[in-house]
N, C-alpha and C. Protein backbone atom coordinates (compact mmCIF):
# COMPACT_ATOMS: atom_id res chain seq x y z
N MET A 1 -9.56 20.40 60.74
CA MET A 1 -10.36 21.68 61.07
C MET A 1 -9.86 22.72 60.29
N LEU A 2 -8.47 22.85 60.36
CA LEU A 2 -7.82 24.12 59.78
C LEU A 2 -8.03 24.07 58.22
N SER A 3 -7.97 22.84 57.58
CA SER A 3 -8.24 22.71 56.12
C SER A 3 -9.63 23.03 55.86
N TYR A 4 -10.53 22.73 56.71
CA TYR A 4 -11.99 23.07 56.51
C TYR A 4 -12.17 24.54 56.46
N PHE A 5 -11.33 25.17 57.40
CA PHE A 5 -11.41 26.67 57.50
C PHE A 5 -10.99 27.32 56.17
N PHE A 6 -9.98 26.78 55.52
CA PHE A 6 -9.55 27.30 54.20
C PHE A 6 -10.51 27.05 53.15
N ILE A 7 -11.14 25.94 53.16
CA ILE A 7 -12.13 25.62 52.13
C ILE A 7 -13.36 26.62 52.32
N LEU A 8 -13.74 26.77 53.57
CA LEU A 8 -14.88 27.74 53.78
C LEU A 8 -14.52 29.15 53.46
N LEU A 9 -13.24 29.57 53.72
CA LEU A 9 -12.81 30.89 53.46
C LEU A 9 -12.70 31.13 51.90
N GLN A 10 -12.28 30.19 51.18
CA GLN A 10 -12.22 30.27 49.69
C GLN A 10 -13.68 30.33 49.20
N HIS A 11 -14.65 29.56 49.72
CA HIS A 11 -15.99 29.47 49.25
C HIS A 11 -16.67 30.88 49.38
N PHE A 12 -16.37 31.62 50.49
CA PHE A 12 -16.99 32.82 50.68
C PHE A 12 -16.11 34.01 50.42
N TRP A 13 -15.13 33.81 49.48
CA TRP A 13 -14.09 34.87 49.37
C TRP A 13 -14.70 36.24 48.95
N LYS A 14 -15.76 36.20 48.27
CA LYS A 14 -16.26 37.50 47.81
C LYS A 14 -16.64 38.47 48.85
N TYR A 15 -17.02 37.80 50.05
CA TYR A 15 -17.42 38.71 51.16
C TYR A 15 -16.32 39.40 51.76
N PHE A 16 -15.07 39.03 51.47
CA PHE A 16 -13.84 39.63 52.11
C PHE A 16 -13.12 40.46 51.17
N THR A 17 -13.54 40.87 50.01
CA THR A 17 -12.75 41.65 49.17
C THR A 17 -12.67 43.11 49.62
N LEU A 18 -13.56 43.54 50.55
CA LEU A 18 -13.45 44.88 51.09
C LEU A 18 -12.08 45.00 51.82
N ILE A 19 -11.49 43.88 52.24
CA ILE A 19 -10.14 43.93 52.84
C ILE A 19 -9.17 44.59 51.87
N TRP A 20 -9.44 44.59 50.65
CA TRP A 20 -8.49 45.18 49.68
C TRP A 20 -8.46 46.63 49.85
N CYS A 21 -9.28 47.29 50.68
CA CYS A 21 -9.08 48.64 50.97
C CYS A 21 -7.72 48.80 51.57
N LYS A 22 -7.23 47.81 52.26
CA LYS A 22 -5.93 47.89 52.89
C LYS A 22 -4.87 48.06 51.84
N ILE A 23 -5.13 47.53 50.62
CA ILE A 23 -4.08 47.53 49.49
C ILE A 23 -3.89 49.00 49.01
N GLN A 24 -4.67 49.92 49.35
CA GLN A 24 -4.33 51.27 48.83
C GLN A 24 -3.11 51.82 49.53
N ASN A 25 -2.61 51.19 50.58
CA ASN A 25 -1.31 51.54 51.13
C ASN A 25 -0.14 50.90 50.40
N PHE A 26 -0.42 49.94 49.39
CA PHE A 26 0.60 49.11 48.83
C PHE A 26 0.88 49.59 47.35
N VAL A 27 0.25 50.73 46.90
CA VAL A 27 0.38 51.14 45.57
C VAL A 27 1.85 51.13 44.97
N PRO A 28 2.91 51.51 45.85
CA PRO A 28 4.16 51.63 45.33
C PRO A 28 4.71 50.41 44.52
N ILE A 29 4.17 49.23 44.82
CA ILE A 29 4.72 47.99 44.10
C ILE A 29 4.30 48.03 42.67
N LEU A 30 3.18 48.77 42.34
CA LEU A 30 2.69 48.74 40.97
C LEU A 30 2.60 50.06 40.35
N SER A 31 3.20 51.11 41.03
CA SER A 31 3.10 52.45 40.55
C SER A 31 4.30 52.91 39.76
N ILE A 32 4.10 53.88 39.02
CA ILE A 32 5.13 54.56 38.29
C ILE A 32 6.08 53.58 37.47
N GLY A 33 7.31 53.32 37.95
CA GLY A 33 8.23 52.46 37.26
C GLY A 33 7.62 51.08 37.03
N GLY A 34 7.11 50.41 37.99
CA GLY A 34 6.55 49.09 37.83
C GLY A 34 5.38 49.09 36.82
N TRP A 35 4.52 50.06 36.91
CA TRP A 35 3.44 50.12 35.99
C TRP A 35 3.89 50.36 34.62
N GLU A 36 4.84 51.18 34.39
CA GLU A 36 5.31 51.60 33.08
C GLU A 36 5.98 50.26 32.44
N LYS A 37 6.57 49.48 33.22
CA LYS A 37 7.09 48.25 32.62
C LYS A 37 6.05 47.24 32.21
N ILE A 38 4.94 47.34 32.96
CA ILE A 38 3.79 46.52 32.55
C ILE A 38 3.06 47.02 31.31
N MET A 39 2.64 48.23 31.36
CA MET A 39 1.83 48.82 30.35
C MET A 39 2.68 49.68 29.44
N LYS A 40 3.16 49.14 28.34
CA LYS A 40 4.03 49.88 27.45
C LYS A 40 3.17 50.38 26.24
N CYS A 41 3.19 51.66 26.08
CA CYS A 41 2.43 52.29 24.91
C CYS A 41 3.30 53.01 23.97
N ASP A 42 2.93 52.96 22.73
CA ASP A 42 3.62 53.73 21.67
C ASP A 42 3.72 55.19 21.91
N GLU A 43 4.94 55.72 22.07
CA GLU A 43 5.01 57.11 22.36
C GLU A 43 4.42 58.03 21.35
N ASN A 44 4.60 57.61 20.08
CA ASN A 44 4.04 58.38 18.98
C ASN A 44 2.54 58.46 19.09
N LEU A 45 1.93 57.28 19.49
CA LEU A 45 0.43 57.26 19.63
C LEU A 45 0.00 58.26 20.78
N VAL A 46 0.80 58.22 21.80
CA VAL A 46 0.47 59.01 22.92
C VAL A 46 0.55 60.55 22.48
N LYS A 47 1.59 60.91 21.90
CA LYS A 47 1.76 62.36 21.32
C LYS A 47 0.61 62.73 20.43
N ARG A 48 0.23 61.85 19.55
CA ARG A 48 -0.85 62.13 18.67
C ARG A 48 -2.22 62.25 19.38
N ALA A 49 -2.43 61.30 20.27
CA ALA A 49 -3.66 61.34 21.05
C ALA A 49 -3.79 62.55 21.90
N MET A 50 -2.72 63.08 22.37
CA MET A 50 -2.73 64.34 23.11
C MET A 50 -3.21 65.54 22.33
N THR A 51 -3.10 65.45 21.01
CA THR A 51 -3.47 66.52 20.12
C THR A 51 -4.96 66.31 19.59
N GLY A 52 -5.62 65.24 20.11
CA GLY A 52 -6.97 64.96 19.69
C GLY A 52 -7.17 63.94 18.60
N ASP A 53 -6.13 63.22 18.19
CA ASP A 53 -6.18 62.23 17.06
C ASP A 53 -6.92 60.97 17.65
N GLU A 54 -8.18 60.84 17.24
CA GLU A 54 -8.98 59.74 17.72
C GLU A 54 -8.44 58.33 17.26
N LYS A 55 -7.95 58.28 16.08
CA LYS A 55 -7.33 57.03 15.66
C LYS A 55 -6.16 56.62 16.47
N ALA A 56 -5.38 57.55 16.89
CA ALA A 56 -4.25 57.30 17.81
C ALA A 56 -4.71 56.81 19.17
N PHE A 57 -5.82 57.41 19.61
CA PHE A 57 -6.28 56.98 20.90
C PHE A 57 -6.85 55.53 20.88
N GLU A 58 -7.54 55.16 19.64
CA GLU A 58 -8.04 53.80 19.52
C GLU A 58 -6.87 52.83 19.60
N GLY A 59 -5.70 53.27 19.02
CA GLY A 59 -4.50 52.42 19.02
C GLY A 59 -4.01 52.23 20.43
N LEU A 60 -3.97 53.42 21.24
CA LEU A 60 -3.59 53.34 22.59
C LEU A 60 -4.45 52.35 23.41
N TYR A 61 -5.70 52.55 23.20
CA TYR A 61 -6.76 51.69 23.89
C TYR A 61 -6.40 50.18 23.63
N MET A 62 -6.20 49.84 22.42
CA MET A 62 -5.91 48.41 22.13
C MET A 62 -4.59 47.99 22.87
N GLN A 63 -3.67 48.87 22.92
CA GLN A 63 -2.37 48.41 23.62
C GLN A 63 -2.54 48.30 25.18
N MET A 64 -3.36 49.15 25.77
CA MET A 64 -3.35 49.23 27.22
C MET A 64 -4.59 48.52 27.84
N HIS A 65 -5.57 48.18 27.12
CA HIS A 65 -6.76 47.67 27.70
C HIS A 65 -6.52 46.39 28.52
N GLY A 66 -5.72 45.54 27.97
CA GLY A 66 -5.60 44.29 28.69
C GLY A 66 -4.91 44.47 29.95
N ASP A 67 -3.85 45.19 30.04
CA ASP A 67 -3.20 45.52 31.27
C ASP A 67 -3.95 46.28 32.34
N MET A 68 -4.78 47.20 31.82
CA MET A 68 -5.66 47.93 32.74
C MET A 68 -6.65 46.95 33.41
N TYR A 69 -7.23 46.07 32.56
CA TYR A 69 -8.19 45.08 33.15
C TYR A 69 -7.55 44.17 34.14
N ARG A 70 -6.34 43.72 33.89
CA ARG A 70 -5.69 42.81 34.86
C ARG A 70 -5.38 43.55 36.15
N PHE A 71 -4.99 44.81 36.03
CA PHE A 71 -4.73 45.60 37.26
C PHE A 71 -6.07 45.79 38.06
N ALA A 72 -7.20 46.12 37.35
CA ALA A 72 -8.46 46.40 38.01
C ALA A 72 -8.97 45.14 38.61
N TYR A 73 -8.75 43.91 37.96
CA TYR A 73 -9.23 42.71 38.42
C TYR A 73 -8.40 42.30 39.74
N TYR A 74 -7.16 42.55 39.64
CA TYR A 74 -6.23 42.26 40.75
C TYR A 74 -6.67 43.08 42.10
N MET A 75 -7.19 44.25 41.81
CA MET A 75 -7.61 45.16 42.93
C MET A 75 -8.92 44.88 43.51
N LEU A 76 -9.88 44.42 42.48
CA LEU A 76 -11.20 44.27 42.83
C LEU A 76 -11.78 42.85 42.98
N ALA A 77 -11.05 41.86 42.43
CA ALA A 77 -11.36 40.54 42.45
C ALA A 77 -12.80 40.30 42.07
N ASN A 78 -13.24 41.09 41.04
CA ASN A 78 -14.53 40.86 40.50
C ASN A 78 -14.56 41.35 39.01
N LYS A 79 -14.97 40.47 38.14
CA LYS A 79 -14.85 40.72 36.77
C LYS A 79 -15.70 41.89 36.30
N GLU A 80 -16.96 41.87 36.72
CA GLU A 80 -17.92 42.95 36.43
C GLU A 80 -17.39 44.33 36.84
N ASP A 81 -17.01 44.46 38.11
CA ASP A 81 -16.45 45.67 38.63
C ASP A 81 -15.17 46.13 37.91
N ALA A 82 -14.38 45.12 37.58
CA ALA A 82 -12.99 45.51 36.89
C ALA A 82 -13.41 46.06 35.56
N VAL A 83 -14.36 45.42 34.78
CA VAL A 83 -14.76 45.94 33.48
C VAL A 83 -15.30 47.36 33.59
N ASP A 84 -16.18 47.58 34.63
CA ASP A 84 -16.64 48.93 34.81
C ASP A 84 -15.65 49.96 35.08
N ALA A 85 -14.75 49.55 36.01
CA ALA A 85 -13.65 50.50 36.35
C ALA A 85 -12.78 50.89 35.17
N VAL A 86 -12.50 49.97 34.44
CA VAL A 86 -11.57 50.17 33.14
C VAL A 86 -12.39 51.14 32.23
N SER A 87 -13.72 50.81 32.02
CA SER A 87 -14.48 51.57 31.14
C SER A 87 -14.58 53.07 31.57
N GLU A 88 -14.81 53.27 32.85
CA GLU A 88 -14.89 54.60 33.39
C GLU A 88 -13.55 55.40 33.34
N ALA A 89 -12.58 54.51 33.52
CA ALA A 89 -11.08 55.15 33.50
C ALA A 89 -10.85 55.60 32.03
N VAL A 90 -11.15 54.79 31.11
CA VAL A 90 -10.86 55.08 29.72
C VAL A 90 -11.62 56.31 29.27
N ILE A 91 -12.79 56.51 29.76
CA ILE A 91 -13.52 57.64 29.39
C ILE A 91 -12.81 58.98 29.92
N ASP A 92 -12.40 58.90 31.14
CA ASP A 92 -11.65 60.05 31.72
C ASP A 92 -10.36 60.25 31.02
N ILE A 93 -9.67 59.20 30.68
CA ILE A 93 -8.38 59.33 29.93
C ILE A 93 -8.67 60.01 28.62
N TYR A 94 -9.66 59.62 27.91
CA TYR A 94 -9.97 60.20 26.61
C TYR A 94 -10.37 61.70 26.82
N LYS A 95 -11.11 61.99 27.83
CA LYS A 95 -11.58 63.40 27.99
C LYS A 95 -10.45 64.31 28.30
N TYR A 96 -9.47 63.85 29.14
CA TYR A 96 -8.41 64.75 29.69
C TYR A 96 -7.02 64.49 29.15
N ILE A 97 -6.82 63.57 28.20
CA ILE A 97 -5.46 63.34 27.75
C ILE A 97 -4.85 64.58 27.13
N GLY A 98 -5.59 65.55 26.67
CA GLY A 98 -5.08 66.74 26.12
C GLY A 98 -4.47 67.71 27.13
N SER A 99 -4.80 67.43 28.49
CA SER A 99 -4.23 68.21 29.59
C SER A 99 -2.97 67.75 30.01
N LEU A 100 -2.47 66.57 29.54
CA LEU A 100 -1.14 66.03 29.97
C LEU A 100 -0.03 67.05 29.57
N ARG A 101 0.89 67.23 30.49
CA ARG A 101 2.04 68.15 30.15
C ARG A 101 3.05 67.44 29.24
N THR A 102 3.17 66.19 29.58
CA THR A 102 4.28 65.46 28.80
C THR A 102 3.82 64.02 28.52
N TYR A 103 4.13 63.48 27.42
CA TYR A 103 3.75 62.11 27.02
C TYR A 103 4.42 61.09 28.02
N LYS A 104 5.50 61.51 28.60
CA LYS A 104 6.30 60.56 29.49
C LYS A 104 5.47 60.15 30.69
N SER A 105 4.57 60.97 31.09
CA SER A 105 3.74 60.70 32.34
C SER A 105 2.47 59.91 32.07
N PHE A 106 2.30 59.55 30.79
CA PHE A 106 1.06 58.94 30.36
C PHE A 106 0.71 57.64 31.20
N SER A 107 1.62 56.75 31.32
CA SER A 107 1.35 55.43 31.95
C SER A 107 0.94 55.72 33.40
N SER A 108 1.83 56.47 34.13
CA SER A 108 1.54 56.68 35.62
C SER A 108 0.23 57.51 35.74
N TRP A 109 0.03 58.38 34.88
CA TRP A 109 -1.28 59.12 34.88
C TRP A 109 -2.50 58.24 34.76
N CYS A 110 -2.40 57.29 33.77
CA CYS A 110 -3.49 56.32 33.57
C CYS A 110 -3.73 55.47 34.81
N LEU A 111 -2.55 55.09 35.44
CA LEU A 111 -2.76 54.36 36.67
C LEU A 111 -3.48 55.02 37.71
N LYS A 112 -3.24 56.31 37.92
CA LYS A 112 -3.80 57.12 39.00
C LYS A 112 -5.34 57.19 38.69
N ILE A 113 -5.72 57.44 37.47
CA ILE A 113 -7.11 57.42 37.11
C ILE A 113 -7.79 56.12 37.39
N LEU A 114 -7.16 55.03 36.94
CA LEU A 114 -7.71 53.70 37.22
C LEU A 114 -7.76 53.33 38.67
N TRP A 115 -6.72 53.66 39.39
CA TRP A 115 -6.72 53.44 40.77
C TRP A 115 -7.82 54.23 41.50
N THR A 116 -8.13 55.35 41.09
CA THR A 116 -9.24 56.13 41.67
C THR A 116 -10.55 55.40 41.48
N LYS A 117 -10.79 54.92 40.23
CA LYS A 117 -12.00 54.22 39.91
C LYS A 117 -12.16 52.85 40.62
N CYS A 118 -11.06 52.22 40.88
CA CYS A 118 -11.03 50.93 41.67
C CYS A 118 -11.48 51.32 43.08
N LYS A 119 -11.00 52.39 43.66
CA LYS A 119 -11.31 52.75 45.05
C LYS A 119 -12.84 53.08 45.06
N GLN A 120 -13.32 53.68 44.13
CA GLN A 120 -14.74 54.00 44.08
C GLN A 120 -15.64 52.68 43.93
N LYS A 121 -15.18 51.79 43.17
CA LYS A 121 -15.82 50.54 43.03
C LYS A 121 -15.76 49.70 44.42
N ARG A 122 -14.74 49.78 45.12
CA ARG A 122 -14.66 49.08 46.36
C ARG A 122 -15.63 49.70 47.29
N LYS A 123 -15.86 51.01 47.25
CA LYS A 123 -16.74 51.67 48.17
C LYS A 123 -18.13 51.21 47.81
N GLU A 124 -18.47 51.08 46.45
CA GLU A 124 -19.71 50.61 46.06
C GLU A 124 -19.95 49.13 46.50
N TYR A 125 -18.90 48.39 46.47
CA TYR A 125 -18.95 46.97 46.95
C TYR A 125 -19.30 46.93 48.39
N VAL A 126 -18.66 47.76 49.30
CA VAL A 126 -19.10 47.77 50.68
C VAL A 126 -20.63 48.11 50.86
N ASP A 127 -21.06 49.05 50.08
CA ASP A 127 -22.51 49.47 50.09
C ASP A 127 -23.27 48.25 49.67
N ARG A 128 -22.81 47.45 48.81
CA ARG A 128 -23.64 46.29 48.30
C ARG A 128 -23.54 45.05 49.17
N SER A 129 -22.61 45.02 50.11
CA SER A 129 -22.24 43.85 50.72
C SER A 129 -23.37 43.13 51.52
N GLU A 130 -24.22 43.94 52.20
CA GLU A 130 -25.37 43.40 52.90
C GLU A 130 -26.36 42.72 51.95
N GLU A 131 -26.62 43.36 50.83
CA GLU A 131 -27.52 42.87 49.80
C GLU A 131 -26.95 41.57 49.26
N MET A 132 -25.59 41.52 48.95
CA MET A 132 -25.00 40.25 48.46
C MET A 132 -25.12 39.08 49.45
N MET A 133 -24.91 39.48 50.80
CA MET A 133 -25.08 38.43 51.81
C MET A 133 -26.47 37.89 51.86
N LEU A 134 -27.47 38.74 51.66
CA LEU A 134 -28.80 38.24 51.69
C LEU A 134 -29.19 37.43 50.46
N GLU A 135 -28.64 37.72 49.29
CA GLU A 135 -28.88 36.98 48.11
C GLU A 135 -28.22 35.63 48.29
N GLU A 136 -27.05 35.54 48.86
CA GLU A 136 -26.36 34.33 48.97
C GLU A 136 -27.17 33.38 49.91
N THR A 137 -27.59 34.07 51.00
CA THR A 137 -28.43 33.24 51.94
C THR A 137 -29.74 32.72 51.29
N MET A 138 -30.33 33.42 50.46
CA MET A 138 -31.51 32.89 49.73
C MET A 138 -31.16 31.72 48.85
N GLU A 139 -30.03 31.84 48.17
CA GLU A 139 -29.58 30.68 47.38
C GLU A 139 -29.39 29.49 48.26
N ILE A 140 -28.73 29.63 49.38
CA ILE A 140 -28.48 28.51 50.24
C ILE A 140 -29.77 27.92 50.84
N SER A 141 -30.80 28.70 50.83
CA SER A 141 -32.03 28.27 51.49
C SER A 141 -32.64 27.03 50.86
N ALA A 142 -32.18 26.78 49.64
CA ALA A 142 -32.68 25.53 49.05
C ALA A 142 -32.13 24.28 49.62
N SER A 143 -31.04 24.45 50.33
CA SER A 143 -30.34 23.36 51.02
C SER A 143 -30.93 23.11 52.33
N ASP A 144 -30.87 21.81 52.73
CA ASP A 144 -31.27 21.39 54.14
C ASP A 144 -30.37 22.00 55.20
N ASN A 145 -29.18 22.41 54.73
CA ASN A 145 -28.16 22.85 55.76
C ASN A 145 -28.08 24.40 55.67
N MET A 146 -29.18 25.15 55.20
CA MET A 146 -29.13 26.55 55.17
C MET A 146 -28.69 27.27 56.47
N GLU A 147 -29.23 26.86 57.57
CA GLU A 147 -28.98 27.55 58.80
C GLU A 147 -27.48 27.30 59.19
N GLU A 148 -27.07 26.04 58.99
CA GLU A 148 -25.60 25.67 59.37
C GLU A 148 -24.72 26.45 58.54
N HIS A 149 -24.92 26.61 57.20
CA HIS A 149 -24.02 27.33 56.32
C HIS A 149 -24.06 28.77 56.71
N TYR A 150 -25.13 29.40 56.99
CA TYR A 150 -25.20 30.80 57.24
C TYR A 150 -24.53 31.15 58.46
N ILE A 151 -24.75 30.21 59.53
CA ILE A 151 -24.12 30.54 60.79
C ILE A 151 -22.62 30.44 60.68
N GLU A 152 -22.06 29.46 60.03
CA GLU A 152 -20.73 29.32 59.75
C GLU A 152 -20.06 30.44 59.00
N ASN A 153 -20.75 30.93 58.01
CA ASN A 153 -20.29 32.07 57.21
C ASN A 153 -20.27 33.31 57.97
N VAL A 154 -21.23 33.61 58.83
CA VAL A 154 -21.25 34.73 59.74
C VAL A 154 -20.12 34.69 60.78
N TYR A 155 -19.99 33.44 61.30
CA TYR A 155 -18.97 33.27 62.37
C TYR A 155 -17.62 33.46 61.81
N LEU A 156 -17.32 32.85 60.60
CA LEU A 156 -16.07 32.96 60.00
C LEU A 156 -15.67 34.43 59.78
N LYS A 157 -16.73 35.14 59.20
CA LYS A 157 -16.42 36.60 58.91
C LYS A 157 -16.14 37.36 60.17
N GLU A 158 -16.87 37.07 61.26
CA GLU A 158 -16.61 37.79 62.51
C GLU A 158 -15.26 37.51 63.01
N GLN A 159 -14.77 36.30 62.87
CA GLN A 159 -13.47 35.81 63.44
C GLN A 159 -12.31 36.52 62.66
N LEU A 160 -12.51 36.62 61.30
CA LEU A 160 -11.57 37.22 60.53
C LEU A 160 -11.42 38.76 60.81
N MET A 161 -12.58 39.38 60.92
CA MET A 161 -12.59 40.79 61.25
C MET A 161 -12.07 41.06 62.64
N ALA A 162 -12.10 40.02 63.57
CA ALA A 162 -11.52 40.21 64.94
C ALA A 162 -9.96 40.30 64.90
N LEU A 163 -9.31 39.73 63.86
CA LEU A 163 -7.98 39.84 63.74
C LEU A 163 -7.48 41.27 63.55
N ASN A 164 -6.27 41.58 63.99
CA ASN A 164 -5.81 42.93 63.64
C ASN A 164 -5.60 43.11 62.14
N GLU A 165 -5.42 44.38 61.74
CA GLU A 165 -5.46 44.64 60.25
C GLU A 165 -4.29 43.82 59.56
N ASP A 166 -3.08 43.85 60.09
CA ASP A 166 -1.97 43.09 59.39
C ASP A 166 -2.27 41.69 59.37
N GLU A 167 -2.65 41.02 60.44
CA GLU A 167 -2.93 39.63 60.46
C GLU A 167 -4.07 39.25 59.55
N ARG A 168 -5.07 40.09 59.51
CA ARG A 168 -6.15 39.68 58.58
C ARG A 168 -5.73 39.79 57.15
N THR A 169 -5.01 40.81 56.77
CA THR A 169 -4.47 41.03 55.43
C THR A 169 -3.57 39.80 55.03
N ILE A 170 -2.72 39.45 55.91
CA ILE A 170 -1.76 38.34 55.53
C ILE A 170 -2.52 37.08 55.38
N VAL A 171 -3.57 36.77 56.17
CA VAL A 171 -4.41 35.58 56.01
C VAL A 171 -5.03 35.60 54.74
N LEU A 172 -5.66 36.70 54.41
CA LEU A 172 -6.51 36.76 53.19
C LEU A 172 -5.54 36.69 51.86
N LEU A 173 -4.44 37.42 51.91
CA LEU A 173 -3.53 37.35 50.81
C LEU A 173 -2.95 35.97 50.62
N SER A 174 -2.78 35.30 51.69
CA SER A 174 -2.20 33.87 51.59
C SER A 174 -3.32 32.86 51.17
N ALA A 175 -4.43 32.81 51.88
CA ALA A 175 -5.52 31.85 51.69
C ALA A 175 -6.29 32.06 50.43
N LEU A 176 -6.51 33.43 50.12
CA LEU A 176 -7.43 33.65 48.91
C LEU A 176 -6.64 33.89 47.68
N TYR A 177 -5.42 34.55 47.70
CA TYR A 177 -4.80 34.91 46.56
C TYR A 177 -3.44 34.25 46.31
N GLY A 178 -3.10 33.29 47.29
CA GLY A 178 -1.96 32.42 46.99
C GLY A 178 -0.64 33.10 47.25
N TYR A 179 -0.46 34.22 47.82
CA TYR A 179 0.84 34.88 48.02
C TYR A 179 1.66 34.13 49.04
N ASN A 180 2.97 33.99 48.80
CA ASN A 180 3.81 33.50 49.80
C ASN A 180 4.34 34.53 50.72
N SER A 181 5.13 34.14 51.79
CA SER A 181 5.52 35.09 52.78
C SER A 181 6.40 36.23 52.12
N LYS A 182 7.21 35.75 51.24
CA LYS A 182 8.16 36.75 50.58
C LYS A 182 7.41 37.74 49.80
N GLU A 183 6.38 37.41 49.01
CA GLU A 183 5.57 38.30 48.25
C GLU A 183 4.76 39.22 49.16
N ILE A 184 4.23 38.58 50.22
CA ILE A 184 3.40 39.41 51.18
C ILE A 184 4.33 40.45 51.79
N GLY A 185 5.53 40.02 52.16
CA GLY A 185 6.47 40.93 52.80
C GLY A 185 6.79 42.21 51.93
N ARG A 186 6.99 41.92 50.60
CA ARG A 186 7.23 43.05 49.73
C ARG A 186 5.98 43.95 49.63
N LEU A 187 4.85 43.35 49.66
CA LEU A 187 3.71 44.09 49.51
C LEU A 187 3.38 44.99 50.79
N MET A 188 3.66 44.45 51.94
CA MET A 188 3.43 45.13 53.25
C MET A 188 4.59 45.83 53.86
N ASN A 189 5.84 45.73 53.16
CA ASN A 189 7.00 46.31 53.75
C ASN A 189 7.43 45.69 55.02
N LEU A 190 7.33 44.29 55.07
CA LEU A 190 7.65 43.53 56.24
C LEU A 190 8.70 42.49 55.79
N ASN A 191 9.56 42.08 56.73
CA ASN A 191 10.52 40.95 56.42
C ASN A 191 9.78 39.65 56.51
N ASN A 192 10.41 38.64 55.77
CA ASN A 192 9.82 37.31 55.84
C ASN A 192 9.42 36.78 57.20
N SER A 193 10.37 36.88 58.13
CA SER A 193 10.18 36.36 59.43
C SER A 193 9.04 37.03 60.20
N THR A 194 8.80 38.30 59.97
CA THR A 194 7.70 39.02 60.54
C THR A 194 6.32 38.53 59.97
N VAL A 195 6.37 38.33 58.62
CA VAL A 195 5.12 37.85 57.96
C VAL A 195 4.78 36.52 58.51
N ARG A 196 5.78 35.61 58.56
CA ARG A 196 5.50 34.21 59.03
C ARG A 196 5.01 34.19 60.42
N SER A 197 5.56 35.09 61.23
CA SER A 197 5.23 35.10 62.69
C SER A 197 3.72 35.54 62.84
N LYS A 198 3.40 36.61 62.03
CA LYS A 198 2.09 37.14 62.09
C LYS A 198 1.10 36.11 61.53
N GLN A 199 1.44 35.47 60.48
CA GLN A 199 0.56 34.50 59.81
C GLN A 199 0.30 33.37 60.80
N LYS A 200 1.43 32.82 61.46
CA LYS A 200 1.24 31.72 62.34
C LYS A 200 0.38 32.10 63.52
N ARG A 201 0.60 33.30 64.12
CA ARG A 201 -0.21 33.71 65.21
C ARG A 201 -1.67 33.90 64.85
N ALA A 202 -1.98 34.41 63.69
CA ALA A 202 -3.36 34.63 63.11
C ALA A 202 -4.04 33.35 62.97
N LEU A 203 -3.33 32.34 62.31
CA LEU A 203 -3.95 31.09 62.10
C LEU A 203 -4.21 30.31 63.42
N GLU A 204 -3.28 30.44 64.33
CA GLU A 204 -3.47 29.75 65.59
C GLU A 204 -4.68 30.32 66.28
N ARG A 205 -4.89 31.60 66.27
CA ARG A 205 -6.09 32.28 66.86
C ARG A 205 -7.28 31.77 66.13
N LEU A 206 -7.32 31.72 64.89
CA LEU A 206 -8.51 31.34 64.10
C LEU A 206 -8.73 29.76 64.46
N ARG A 207 -7.73 29.03 64.43
CA ARG A 207 -7.94 27.58 64.75
C ARG A 207 -8.59 27.43 66.15
N GLU A 208 -8.01 28.07 67.08
CA GLU A 208 -8.64 27.94 68.45
C GLU A 208 -10.02 28.37 68.50
N ARG A 209 -10.39 29.44 67.84
CA ARG A 209 -11.74 29.97 67.92
C ARG A 209 -12.70 29.02 67.11
N ILE A 210 -12.22 28.49 65.97
CA ILE A 210 -13.09 27.61 65.17
C ILE A 210 -13.29 26.20 65.87
N GLU A 211 -12.22 25.80 66.50
CA GLU A 211 -12.36 24.51 67.25
C GLU A 211 -13.21 24.77 68.44
N ALA A 212 -13.16 25.86 69.15
CA ALA A 212 -14.20 26.19 70.25
C ALA A 212 -15.56 26.27 69.71
N TYR A 213 -15.71 26.78 68.47
CA TYR A 213 -17.02 26.89 67.89
C TYR A 213 -17.65 25.52 67.54
N GLY A 214 -16.74 24.57 67.17
CA GLY A 214 -17.17 23.21 66.82
C GLY A 214 -17.52 22.32 67.92
N ARG A 215 -17.11 22.72 69.17
CA ARG A 215 -17.41 21.85 70.29
C ARG A 215 -18.79 21.84 70.68
């Protein structure tokens, strides 16, 4: 039954990406120093772009686009939204790069802009969630098991949302994104034993509820 839960959870993962709103509290792992190690840009290009050199900005774009996309996709778990977030961030970076006080803050400044765009996209996702659920239900309607799948999906979502925030986040990071307890601990500022304890408690609660549902 528990393995069935994980299969079902993975199948409907897109309905739970709004949980990533919790991740806005975890920015330190990817901000400033960490981000600068990931996205390395030519300092000369940054300096030239700050003066309005469009060729230099094109060079910067080629250097940072891949890393920006990976970050956005990590945050949004949706390719289309990630592409949109990066595009909007690049537009703002281009418009305001001349206002930077120092080239040294370029990478962290880019992250802040991209992070803001990702938060906006998550809000848009929440606004779209009901419509997405309806569309998925209509697709399932071609199956003889439409009602069963729909009820299971709604029930699973309800049980996940019934967990407290830490438990829900741990379950989703583990089941959907493959994080181990050590990685989750770093992300949430918890030690390994606390993560494992919360995860065990959450999975036991889910198992009990799902088994009760199946009776």
